[in-house]
Amino acid sequence: MKCTFELNSKGFIKQRESFDLEFKEAFHYGDSLAEYIRSIVGMANNKGGEIIFGIKDRPREPKGLQNDKFDNCDPNKINQFISEYFSHEVLWNMETHEINRKQFGRLWVEEAP
């Protein structure tokens, strides 16, 4: 699946955050990683969803990622975190997308069975 979003005439993202979509300006480790995982598990317990990184808040402007923390994140670290705090298997993935010469991170999760 591809990371996509619609822009209005001012260049801001039309979509709003919802139960299955969140926007973050940057990707961080530590406490922020725990926040991302809680969101992902909540989405898995609903209908699935995604977090897109590189989107400035208020207004929702596609800035792109400003460093390589997302690209350098070890998926095993996220798997360990999930298995340590949650008992069910969570099917997720992370990928980077280039849109208009800017890099965006996408963390997505499928609906849990």
C-alpha atoms as a PDB file:
ATOM      1  CA  MET A   1       0.000   0.000   0.000  1.00  0.00           C
ATOM      2  CA  LYS A   2       1.259   3.456  -0.830  1.00  0.00           C
ATOM      3  CA  CYS A   3       1.421   6.482   1.426  1.00  0.00           C
ATOM      4  CA  THR A   4      -0.905   9.068  -0.119  1.00  0.00           C
ATOM      5  CA  PHE A   5      -2.707  12.197   0.935  1.00  0.00           C
ATOM      6  CA  GLU A   6      -4.723  14.902  -0.791  1.00  0.00           C
ATOM      7  CA  LEU A   7      -3.678  18.546  -0.628  1.00  0.00           C
ATOM      8  CA  ASN A   8      -5.917  21.585  -0.698  1.00  0.00           C
ATOM      9  CA  SER A   9      -5.158  24.721  -2.745  1.00  0.00           C
ATOM     10  CA  LYS A  10      -2.824  26.020   0.019  1.00  0.00           C
ATOM     11  CA  GLY A  11      -0.741  22.832   0.052  1.00  0.00           C
ATOM     12  CA  PHE A  12      -2.140  21.490   3.339  1.00  0.00           C
ATOM     13  CA  ILE A  13      -3.435  17.959   3.824  1.00  0.00           C
ATOM     14  CA  LYS A  14      -7.204  17.625   3.511  1.00  0.00           C
ATOM     15  CA  GLN A  15      -7.570  14.466   5.618  1.00  0.00           C
ATOM     16  CA  ARG A  16      -8.081  14.744   9.347  1.00  0.00           C
ATOM     17  CA  GLU A  17      -6.755  12.348  11.940  1.00  0.00           C
ATOM     18  CA  SER A  18      -9.185   9.602  12.886  1.00  0.00           C
ATOM     19  CA  PHE A  19      -9.350   6.221  14.604  1.00  0.00           C
ATOM     20  CA  ASP A  20      -7.291   4.732  11.756  1.00  0.00           C
ATOM     21  CA  LEU A  21      -5.012   7.612  10.741  1.00  0.00           C
ATOM     22  CA  GLU A  22      -2.489   9.700  12.669  1.00  0.00           C
ATOM     23  CA  PHE A  23       0.054  12.251  11.488  1.00  0.00           C
ATOM     24  CA  LYS A  24       3.362  12.963  13.244  1.00  0.00           C
ATOM     25  CA  GLU A  25       5.946  15.568  12.363  1.00  0.00           C
ATOM     26  CA  ALA A  26       8.946  13.460  13.362  1.00  0.00           C
ATOM     27  CA  PHE A  27       9.856   9.931  14.430  1.00  0.00           C
ATOM     28  CA  HIS A  28      11.422   9.567  17.901  1.00  0.00           C
ATOM     29  CA  TYR A  29      12.569   6.704  20.108  1.00  0.00           C
ATOM     30  CA  GLY A  30      11.967   6.376  23.846  1.00  0.00           C
ATOM     31  CA  ASP A  31       8.614   7.461  25.246  1.00  0.00           C
ATOM     32  CA  SER A  32       7.403   8.439  21.779  1.00  0.00           C
ATOM     33  CA  LEU A  33       7.977   4.894  20.541  1.00  0.00           C
ATOM     34  CA  ALA A  34       5.702   3.630  23.322  1.00  0.00           C
ATOM     35  CA  GLU A  35       3.057   6.147  22.201  1.00  0.00           C
ATOM     36  CA  TYR A  36       3.294   4.932  18.587  1.00  0.00           C
ATOM     37  CA  ILE A  37       2.957   1.307  19.692  1.00  0.00           C
ATOM     38  CA  ARG A  38      -0.114   2.078  21.824  1.00  0.00           C
ATOM     39  CA  SER A  39      -1.710   3.757  18.800  1.00  0.00           C
ATOM     40  CA  ILE A  40      -0.819   0.845  16.522  1.00  0.00           C
ATOM     41  CA  VAL A  41      -2.234  -1.733  18.957  1.00  0.00           C
ATOM     42  CA  GLY A  42      -5.407   0.339  19.345  1.00  0.00           C
ATOM     43  CA  MET A  43      -5.758   0.470  15.569  1.00  0.00           C
ATOM     44  CA  ALA A  44      -5.176  -3.294  15.320  1.00  0.00           C
ATOM     45  CA  ASN A  45      -7.965  -3.851  17.837  1.00  0.00           C
ATOM     46  CA  ASN A  46     -10.253  -1.757  15.653  1.00  0.00           C
ATOM     47  CA  LYS A  47      -9.973  -1.950  11.839  1.00  0.00           C
ATOM     48  CA  GLY A  48      -6.254  -1.394  11.355  1.00  0.00           C
ATOM     49  CA  GLY A  49      -4.662   1.915  10.470  1.00  0.00           C
ATOM     50  CA  GLU A  50      -1.512   3.925   9.937  1.00  0.00           C
ATOM     51  CA  ILE A  51       0.722   6.635  11.310  1.00  0.00           C
ATOM     52  CA  ILE A  52       2.381   8.859   8.725  1.00  0.00           C
ATOM     53  CA  PHE A  53       5.553  10.679   9.795  1.00  0.00           C
ATOM     54  CA  GLY A  54       6.728  13.925   8.226  1.00  0.00           C
ATOM     55  CA  ILE A  55       3.476  15.878   8.562  1.00  0.00           C
ATOM     56  CA  LYS A  56       3.546  19.164  10.458  1.00  0.00           C
ATOM     57  CA  ASP A  57       0.592  19.746  12.785  1.00  0.00           C
ATOM     58  CA  ARG A  58      -1.607  22.851  12.544  1.00  0.00           C
ATOM     59  CA  PRO A  59      -1.798  23.214   9.689  1.00  0.00           C
ATOM     60  CA  ARG A  60      -1.202  19.671   8.438  1.00  0.00           C
ATOM     61  CA  GLU A  61       1.622  20.414   6.052  1.00  0.00           C
ATOM     62  CA  PRO A  62       3.692  17.684   4.329  1.00  0.00           C
ATOM     63  CA  LYS A  63       7.241  18.643   5.386  1.00  0.00           C
ATOM     64  CA  GLY A  64       8.926  15.262   5.056  1.00  0.00           C
ATOM     65  CA  LEU A  65      11.248  13.610   7.555  1.00  0.00           C
ATOM     66  CA  GLN A  66      14.169  15.782   8.640  1.00  0.00           C
ATOM     67  CA  ASN A  67      16.538  12.971   9.712  1.00  0.00           C
ATOM     68  CA  ASP A  68      17.129   9.239   9.211  1.00  0.00           C
ATOM     69  CA  LYS A  69      15.771   7.937  12.555  1.00  0.00           C
ATOM     70  CA  PHE A  70      12.791   6.279  10.851  1.00  0.00           C
ATOM     71  CA  ASP A  71      14.978   4.548   8.254  1.00  0.00           C
ATOM     72  CA  ASN A  72      17.414   3.407  10.935  1.00  0.00           C
ATOM     73  CA  CYS A  73      14.789   2.059  13.343  1.00  0.00           C
ATOM     74  CA  ASP A  74      15.250  -1.664  13.934  1.00  0.00           C
ATOM     75  CA  PRO A  75      11.881  -3.428  13.430  1.00  0.00           C
ATOM     76  CA  ASN A  76      13.001  -6.065  15.950  1.00  0.00           C
ATOM     77  CA  LYS A  77      13.017  -3.383  18.650  1.00  0.00           C
ATOM     78  CA  ILE A  78       9.362  -2.626  17.895  1.00  0.00           C
ATOM     79  CA  ASN A  79       8.501  -6.350  17.841  1.00  0.00           C
ATOM     80  CA  GLN A  80      10.166  -6.814  21.246  1.00  0.00           C
ATOM     81  CA  PHE A  81       8.243  -3.878  22.666  1.00  0.00           C
ATOM     82  CA  ILE A  82       4.936  -5.209  21.316  1.00  0.00           C
ATOM     83  CA  SER A  83       5.527  -8.751  22.604  1.00  0.00           C
ATOM     84  CA  GLU A  84       6.640  -7.465  26.022  1.00  0.00           C
ATOM     85  CA  TYR A  85       3.485  -5.437  26.653  1.00  0.00           C
ATOM     86  CA  PHE A  86       0.767  -7.053  24.513  1.00  0.00           C
ATOM     87  CA  SER A  87      -0.268 -10.690  24.440  1.00  0.00           C
ATOM     88  CA  HIS A  88      -1.738 -10.869  20.925  1.00  0.00           C
ATOM     89  CA  GLU A  89       0.173 -10.956  17.669  1.00  0.00           C
ATOM     90  CA  VAL A  90       0.140  -7.594  15.897  1.00  0.00           C
ATOM     91  CA  LEU A  91       0.703  -7.616  12.126  1.00  0.00           C
ATOM     92  CA  TRP A  92       2.459  -4.376  11.230  1.00  0.00           C
ATOM     93  CA  ASN A  93       5.089  -2.966   8.913  1.00  0.00           C
ATOM     94  CA  MET A  94       7.056   0.202   8.362  1.00  0.00           C
ATOM     95  CA  GLU A  95       8.157   1.711   5.085  1.00  0.00           C
ATOM     96  CA  THR A  96       9.470   4.937   3.628  1.00  0.00           C
ATOM     97  CA  HIS A  97       7.811   6.727   0.724  1.00  0.00           C
ATOM     98  CA  GLU A  98       9.067   9.572  -1.418  1.00  0.00           C
ATOM     99  CA  ILE A  99       6.466  12.140  -2.441  1.00  0.00           C
ATOM    100  CA  ASN A 100       7.485  15.330  -4.263  1.00  0.00           C
ATOM    101  CA  ARG A 101      11.153  14.673  -3.421  1.00  0.00           C
ATOM    102  CA  LYS A 102      10.380  14.444   0.326  1.00  0.00           C
ATOM    103  CA  GLN A 103      10.664  11.326   2.479  1.00  0.00           C
ATOM    104  CA  PHE A 104       7.715  10.199   4.619  1.00  0.00           C
ATOM    105  CA  GLY A 105       7.576   7.304   7.058  1.00  0.00           C
ATOM    106  CA  ARG A 106       4.562   5.050   7.267  1.00  0.00           C
ATOM    107  CA  LEU A 107       3.895   2.673  10.144  1.00  0.00           C
ATOM    108  CA  TRP A 108       0.783   0.589   9.424  1.00  0.00           C
ATOM    109  CA  VAL A 109      -1.067  -2.234  11.080  1.00  0.00           C
ATOM    110  CA  GLU A 110      -3.660  -4.745   9.952  1.00  0.00           C
ATOM    111  CA  GLU A 111      -6.858  -5.437  11.844  1.00  0.00           C
ATOM    112  CA  ALA A 112      -6.239  -8.096  14.482  1.00  0.00           C
ATOM    113  CA  PRO A 113      -8.182 -11.347  14.005  1.00  0.00           C
END
